Amino acid sequence: MMGLISELKLAVPWGHIAAKAWGSHQAAPVLCLHGWLDNANSFDRLIPLLPKDFYYVAMDFGGHGLSSHYSPGFPYYHQNFVSEVRRVAAALKWNRFSLLGHSFGGTVGGMFSCIFPEMVDKLILLDSSPFALDTNEMDNLLTYKRRAMEHVLQVEASGKAARVVSPEEMLQGFLKNNSHVGEACGKHLLRRGTAQAATGVWLNRDRRITWLEYCLDFVSRELFVHYIKNLQAHVLLIKATEGYYAVRRENDGNREPMMFVSSSLKSVLKERFQYLEVPGNHYIHMNQPQQVAGVISSFLQNKKGTPDPL
């Protein structure tokens, strides 16, 4: 492993945001943002392969991993997660840094980079997009909002404690719901994503966040293009060939939205945008981190040479 790994606990009004850090805090900072329902362990296999002259901090979003859950009655809106990035930067006294976001973490990093453009040097999107496009969602947006509200009210009203199961049952359930995560990576995510009880383990994430559309902000294509014009960062988008298209959502098989995302970024950012497709699935950074480490390293170090052969 690279350098000393330290655990961080950053105070926020509702408790704390947990994070883990690699390297020297005097080096150039990179904030790593995990995917929906994942945690900071998502980057444990990738970061040791990246350049040693950076300070990597992987945070747990609120309600995930070891971070505090939001207070009862307070929602987990997408903008709240974006605000958490700003809080972490303030706590670490960072004025400018780079962002590395996987999946949902990429949409959080993308919105942050457009709202606070002067703070972001480089934005790396792992099988992600700076914003979630509405694609087929426009007709469903009000339905999503209703279902999300009803889900939260039901969770809060039930008052049920998290279900305690054996570690093996937990792993098998996790893999069933996350087909792109291999067994070894599943175990690794659950190390930070579960807590011990007398008779087994339980998921430590907030049950209010288990409805994805509740945590996303969908934008139209017009808004997407308008927003990314605010980007000052250099952007690298790494697309896994068997990734985002087939994860959870019904329209993931449609490649056209990602083509729109990449072509729009290229049109607006020009030489500040780099796009690469690599063989692998949605968790390429965990399952086969060597497939993406080379190009990420070159991008962070601003090398213009070609990435390592894939």
Protein backbone atom coordinates (compact mmCIF):
# COMPACT_ATOMS: atom_id res chain seq x y z
CA MET A 1 0.00 0.00 0.00
CA MET A 2 1.09 3.56 -0.68
CA GLY A 3 2.34 5.54 2.27
CA LEU A 4 0.49 5.81 5.53
CA ILE A 5 -3.27 5.37 5.35
CA SER A 6 -5.05 7.47 7.95
CA GLU A 7 -8.68 7.67 8.97
CA LEU A 8 -10.22 11.15 9.11
CA LYS A 9 -13.30 12.33 10.98
CA LEU A 10 -14.47 15.79 9.86
CA ALA A 11 -17.09 17.62 11.93
CA VAL A 12 -20.36 18.69 10.27
CA PRO A 13 -23.55 20.06 11.88
CA TRP A 14 -25.27 16.64 11.90
CA GLY A 15 -22.24 14.67 13.14
CA HIS A 16 -19.17 13.85 11.08
CA ILE A 17 -17.99 12.90 7.60
CA ALA A 18 -15.60 9.97 7.65
CA ALA A 19 -12.75 9.66 5.17
CA LYS A 20 -9.47 7.82 4.62
CA ALA A 21 -6.30 9.38 3.30
CA TRP A 22 -3.17 8.20 1.49
CA GLY A 23 0.13 10.03 1.30
CA SER A 24 1.35 13.37 2.64
CA HIS A 25 -1.20 16.10 3.35
CA GLN A 26 1.35 18.56 1.97
CA ALA A 27 1.05 17.06 -1.53
CA ALA A 28 -1.43 18.15 -4.22
CA PRO A 29 -4.91 17.03 -3.07
CA VAL A 30 -7.30 14.65 -4.84
CA LEU A 31 -10.76 14.02 -3.38
CA CYS A 32 -12.28 10.64 -4.28
CA LEU A 33 -16.07 10.27 -4.43
CA HIS A 34 -17.62 6.79 -4.32
CA GLY A 35 -20.73 5.49 -6.04
CA TRP A 36 -24.26 5.29 -4.70
CA LEU A 37 -24.51 2.98 -1.64
CA ASP A 38 -20.73 2.29 -1.78
CA ASN A 39 -18.10 3.79 0.52
CA ALA A 40 -14.49 5.00 0.65
CA ASN A 41 -13.12 1.43 0.36
CA SER A 42 -14.13 1.69 -3.30
CA PHE A 43 -10.72 3.25 -4.03
CA ASP A 44 -8.45 0.96 -1.98
CA ARG A 45 -7.24 -1.02 -5.00
CA LEU A 46 -6.80 1.91 -7.37
CA ILE A 47 -5.03 4.55 -5.27
CA PRO A 48 -1.88 2.48 -4.55
CA LEU A 49 -1.36 2.32 -8.35
CA LEU A 50 -1.52 6.11 -8.77
CA PRO A 51 1.35 8.64 -8.49
CA LYS A 52 2.82 8.97 -5.00
CA ASP A 53 3.15 12.76 -5.20
CA PHE A 54 -0.54 13.43 -4.46
CA TYR A 55 -2.60 13.41 -1.29
CA TYR A 56 -5.67 11.21 -1.85
CA VAL A 57 -8.70 11.53 0.41
CA ALA A 58 -11.68 9.19 -0.12
CA MET A 59 -14.75 10.36 1.79
CA ASP A 60 -17.89 8.50 2.81
CA PHE A 61 -20.94 10.48 1.74
CA GLY A 62 -23.45 11.22 4.47
CA GLY A 63 -25.48 8.12 5.31
CA HIS A 64 -22.80 5.88 3.77
CA GLY A 65 -19.89 3.95 5.25
CA LEU A 66 -18.67 5.40 8.53
CA SER A 67 -20.19 8.87 8.06
CA SER A 68 -23.05 10.10 10.22
CA HIS A 69 -26.61 9.71 8.99
CA TYR A 70 -28.60 12.88 8.39
CA SER A 71 -30.89 13.89 11.21
CA PRO A 72 -34.45 12.48 11.07
CA GLY A 73 -36.65 14.48 8.74
CA PHE A 74 -33.79 15.92 6.66
CA PRO A 75 -33.58 14.73 3.05
CA TYR A 76 -30.63 13.32 1.09
CA TYR A 77 -30.97 15.51 -1.96
CA HIS A 78 -28.26 15.51 -4.61
CA GLN A 79 -27.29 19.08 -3.83
CA ASN A 80 -26.68 18.07 -0.19
CA PHE A 81 -23.96 15.64 -1.30
CA VAL A 82 -22.43 18.41 -3.42
CA SER A 83 -22.45 20.61 -0.33
CA GLU A 84 -20.62 17.87 1.59
CA VAL A 85 -17.71 18.17 -0.86
CA ARG A 86 -17.54 21.89 -0.09
CA ARG A 87 -17.61 21.14 3.65
CA VAL A 88 -14.78 18.61 3.32
CA ALA A 89 -12.68 21.07 1.31
CA ALA A 90 -13.24 23.72 3.99
CA ALA A 91 -12.35 21.32 6.81
CA LEU A 92 -9.14 20.33 5.02
CA LYS A 93 -8.40 23.97 4.10
CA TRP A 94 -8.26 23.17 0.39
CA ASN A 95 -8.71 26.08 -2.01
CA ARG A 96 -8.06 24.03 -5.15
CA PHE A 97 -7.98 20.29 -5.72
CA SER A 98 -8.81 17.51 -8.17
CA LEU A 99 -11.85 15.23 -8.06
CA LEU A 100 -12.04 11.52 -8.87
CA GLY A 101 -15.63 10.28 -8.94
CA HIS A 102 -17.12 6.86 -9.69
CA SER A 103 -20.71 6.61 -10.95
CA PHE A 104 -22.92 8.66 -8.58
CA GLY A 105 -19.76 10.24 -7.18
CA GLY A 106 -19.02 11.57 -10.66
CA THR A 107 -22.37 13.36 -10.86
CA VAL A 108 -21.66 14.93 -7.45
CA GLY A 109 -18.16 15.92 -8.58
CA GLY A 110 -19.52 17.25 -11.87
CA MET A 111 -22.08 19.50 -10.23
CA PHE A 112 -19.50 20.71 -7.70
CA SER A 113 -17.06 21.52 -10.51
CA CYS A 114 -19.69 23.69 -12.22
CA ILE A 115 -20.87 25.45 -9.05
CA PHE A 116 -17.34 26.04 -7.71
CA PRO A 117 -15.32 26.01 -10.97
CA GLU A 118 -12.35 27.93 -9.55
CA MET A 119 -11.76 25.19 -6.94
CA VAL A 120 -11.35 22.21 -9.28
CA ASP A 121 -8.14 21.57 -11.19
CA LYS A 122 -8.98 18.20 -12.74
CA LEU A 123 -12.19 16.14 -12.83
CA ILE A 124 -11.93 12.39 -13.44
CA LEU A 125 -15.19 10.56 -14.17
CA LEU A 126 -15.12 6.78 -13.78
CA ASP A 127 -18.02 5.28 -15.74
CA SER A 128 -20.02 8.38 -14.97
CA SER A 129 -21.28 11.73 -16.23
CA PRO A 130 -21.05 15.27 -14.77
CA PHE A 131 -24.87 15.29 -14.55
CA ALA A 132 -27.63 12.69 -14.84
CA LEU A 133 -29.46 13.25 -18.13
CA ASP A 134 -33.23 13.02 -18.07
CA THR A 135 -33.25 10.70 -21.17
CA ASN A 136 -36.53 8.83 -20.60
CA GLU A 137 -37.05 10.22 -17.12
CA MET A 138 -38.93 13.45 -17.81
CA ASP A 139 -42.30 11.73 -17.67
CA ASN A 140 -41.28 10.00 -14.43
CA LEU A 141 -39.80 12.88 -12.43
CA LEU A 142 -42.89 13.66 -10.37
CA THR A 143 -43.44 9.93 -9.79
CA TYR A 144 -39.85 9.61 -8.56
CA LYS A 145 -40.33 12.51 -6.16
CA ARG A 146 -43.54 11.03 -4.79
CA ARG A 147 -42.08 7.56 -4.35
CA ALA A 148 -38.97 8.98 -2.71
CA MET A 149 -41.00 10.96 -0.20
CA GLU A 150 -43.24 7.99 0.55
CA HIS A 151 -40.21 5.74 0.97
CA VAL A 152 -38.58 8.10 3.48
CA LEU A 153 -41.81 8.50 5.44
CA GLN A 154 -42.23 4.72 5.58
CA VAL A 155 -38.67 4.17 6.78
CA GLU A 156 -38.97 6.84 9.45
CA ALA A 157 -42.39 5.61 10.57
CA SER A 158 -41.37 1.95 10.79
CA GLY A 159 -38.71 2.55 13.40
CA LYS A 160 -37.28 -0.86 12.56
CA ALA A 161 -33.72 -1.66 13.48
CA ALA A 162 -31.39 -2.76 10.67
CA ARG A 163 -31.61 -6.46 9.90
CA VAL A 164 -28.81 -8.57 11.39
CA VAL A 165 -27.61 -11.50 9.26
CA SER A 166 -24.56 -13.73 8.98
CA PRO A 167 -21.58 -12.31 7.06
CA GLU A 168 -22.11 -14.88 4.30
CA GLU A 169 -25.80 -14.05 3.91
CA MET A 170 -24.90 -10.37 3.83
CA LEU A 171 -22.30 -10.97 1.09
CA GLN A 172 -24.62 -13.07 -1.07
CA GLY A 173 -27.41 -10.48 -0.80
CA PHE A 174 -24.97 -7.72 -1.66
CA LEU A 175 -23.66 -9.57 -4.72
CA LYS A 176 -27.20 -10.32 -5.89
CA ASN A 177 -28.00 -6.60 -5.88
CA ASN A 178 -24.62 -5.59 -7.34
CA SER A 179 -23.95 -7.88 -10.27
CA HIS A 180 -20.86 -5.95 -11.39
CA VAL A 181 -19.07 -6.37 -8.06
CA GLY A 182 -16.97 -9.53 -7.74
CA GLU A 183 -16.88 -11.50 -4.50
CA ALA A 184 -13.51 -10.15 -3.35
CA CYS A 185 -14.55 -6.54 -4.00
CA GLY A 186 -17.93 -7.15 -2.39
CA LYS A 187 -16.25 -8.34 0.79
CA HIS A 188 -13.99 -5.29 0.71
CA LEU A 189 -16.88 -2.81 0.42
CA LEU A 190 -18.78 -4.60 3.19
CA ARG A 191 -15.84 -4.23 5.58
CA ARG A 192 -16.64 -0.52 5.74
CA GLY A 193 -20.32 -0.84 4.86
CA THR A 194 -21.37 -3.09 7.75
CA ALA A 195 -21.23 -3.02 11.54
CA GLN A 196 -20.85 -5.90 13.95
CA ALA A 197 -23.68 -7.12 16.16
CA ALA A 198 -23.69 -9.96 18.68
CA THR A 199 -25.29 -12.38 16.20
CA GLY A 200 -23.88 -11.17 12.88
CA VAL A 201 -23.58 -7.97 10.84
CA TRP A 202 -25.89 -5.21 9.64
CA LEU A 203 -25.67 -2.60 6.87
CA ASN A 204 -24.56 0.68 8.41
CA ARG A 205 -25.88 2.92 5.64
CA ASP A 206 -29.02 4.99 6.07
CA ARG A 207 -32.05 3.12 4.73
CA ARG A 208 -33.52 6.40 3.50
CA ILE A 209 -30.98 6.52 0.64
CA THR A 210 -31.89 3.19 -0.96
CA TRP A 211 -33.99 4.87 -3.66
CA LEU A 212 -31.52 6.12 -6.30
CA GLU A 213 -33.79 8.59 -8.07
CA TYR A 214 -34.27 10.34 -4.71
CA CYS A 215 -30.54 11.16 -4.64
CA LEU A 216 -30.17 12.26 -8.29
CA ASP A 217 -30.91 15.54 -10.04
CA PHE A 218 -31.91 14.89 -13.64
CA VAL A 219 -31.17 17.67 -16.12
CA SER A 220 -32.28 18.27 -19.70
CA ARG A 221 -29.79 18.23 -22.55
CA GLU A 222 -30.08 22.01 -22.83
CA LEU A 223 -29.25 22.44 -19.14
CA PHE A 224 -26.40 19.92 -19.42
CA VAL A 225 -24.70 21.96 -22.16
CA HIS A 226 -25.40 25.22 -20.33
CA TYR A 227 -23.93 23.92 -17.04
CA ILE A 228 -20.72 22.42 -18.44
CA LYS A 229 -19.84 25.79 -20.01
CA ASN A 230 -19.00 26.82 -16.45
CA LEU A 231 -16.29 24.14 -16.10
CA GLN A 232 -12.74 25.40 -15.70
CA ALA A 233 -11.30 21.97 -14.93
CA HIS A 234 -9.63 19.55 -17.29
CA VAL A 235 -11.95 16.54 -17.56
CA LEU A 236 -11.15 12.85 -18.13
CA LEU A 237 -14.08 10.50 -18.77
CA ILE A 238 -13.27 6.79 -18.59
CA LYS A 239 -16.07 4.59 -19.92
CA ALA A 240 -16.14 0.87 -19.14
CA THR A 241 -17.39 -1.02 -22.20
CA GLU A 242 -19.68 -3.25 -20.12
CA GLY A 243 -20.33 -0.64 -17.47
CA TYR A 244 -22.99 1.97 -17.02
CA TYR A 245 -25.12 0.64 -19.85
CA ALA A 246 -26.24 -2.41 -17.88
CA VAL A 247 -26.15 -1.67 -14.16
CA ARG A 248 -29.61 -1.08 -12.74
CA ARG A 249 -31.76 1.20 -14.81
CA GLU A 250 -34.06 0.07 -17.60
CA ASN A 251 -32.59 2.39 -20.20
CA ASP A 252 -28.94 1.65 -19.37
CA GLY A 253 -28.62 -0.32 -22.61
CA ASN A 254 -29.06 2.89 -24.61
CA ARG A 255 -25.59 4.17 -25.51
CA GLU A 256 -26.82 7.37 -27.12
CA PRO A 257 -26.95 9.46 -23.90
CA MET A 258 -23.29 8.75 -23.13
CA MET A 259 -22.39 9.66 -26.72
CA PHE A 260 -24.21 12.95 -26.18
CA VAL A 261 -22.33 13.52 -22.89
CA SER A 262 -18.90 12.88 -24.41
CA SER A 263 -19.55 14.85 -27.60
CA SER A 264 -20.91 17.82 -25.62
CA LEU A 265 -17.90 17.83 -23.30
CA LYS A 266 -15.58 17.65 -26.28
CA SER A 267 -17.39 20.48 -28.06
CA VAL A 268 -17.34 22.78 -25.01
CA LEU A 269 -14.00 21.90 -23.40
CA LYS A 270 -12.02 21.05 -26.56
CA GLU A 271 -8.43 20.17 -25.57
CA ARG A 272 -9.40 20.17 -21.88
CA PHE A 273 -11.45 16.99 -22.40
CA GLN A 274 -10.17 13.44 -22.77
CA TYR A 275 -12.33 10.34 -23.34
CA LEU A 276 -11.27 6.71 -23.12
CA GLU A 277 -13.14 3.41 -23.31
CA VAL A 278 -11.66 0.44 -21.48
CA PRO A 279 -12.77 -3.20 -21.36
CA GLY A 280 -14.51 -4.06 -18.12
CA ASN A 281 -17.67 -3.47 -16.11
CA HIS A 282 -19.04 -0.71 -13.90
CA TYR A 283 -16.59 -1.50 -11.07
CA ILE A 284 -13.52 -1.50 -13.30
CA HIS A 285 -11.63 0.61 -10.74
CA MET A 286 -12.02 -2.17 -8.17
CA ASN A 287 -12.08 -5.33 -10.28
CA GLN A 288 -9.26 -4.36 -12.66
CA PRO A 289 -7.70 -1.13 -11.39
CA GLN A 290 -4.62 -1.61 -13.59
CA GLN A 291 -6.90 -1.00 -16.60
CA VAL A 292 -7.45 2.62 -15.59
CA ALA A 293 -4.46 3.50 -13.37
CA GLY A 294 -2.16 4.40 -16.25
CA VAL A 295 -4.37 6.97 -17.94
CA ILE A 296 -5.46 8.47 -14.59
CA SER A 297 -1.81 8.80 -13.55
CA SER A 298 -0.87 10.52 -16.81
CA PHE A 299 -3.88 12.82 -16.55
CA LEU A 300 -3.12 13.82 -12.94
CA GLN A 301 0.50 14.51 -13.80
CA ASN A 302 -0.56 16.36 -16.93
CA LYS A 303 1.52 14.17 -19.21
CA LYS A 304 0.67 14.38 -22.88
CA GLY A 305 2.00 10.93 -23.71
CA THR A 306 -0.28 8.03 -24.48
CA PRO A 307 -1.60 5.99 -21.57
CA ASP A 308 -0.25 2.57 -20.76
CA PRO A 309 -1.47 -0.19 -23.13
CA LEU A 310 -4.81 -1.63 -22.06
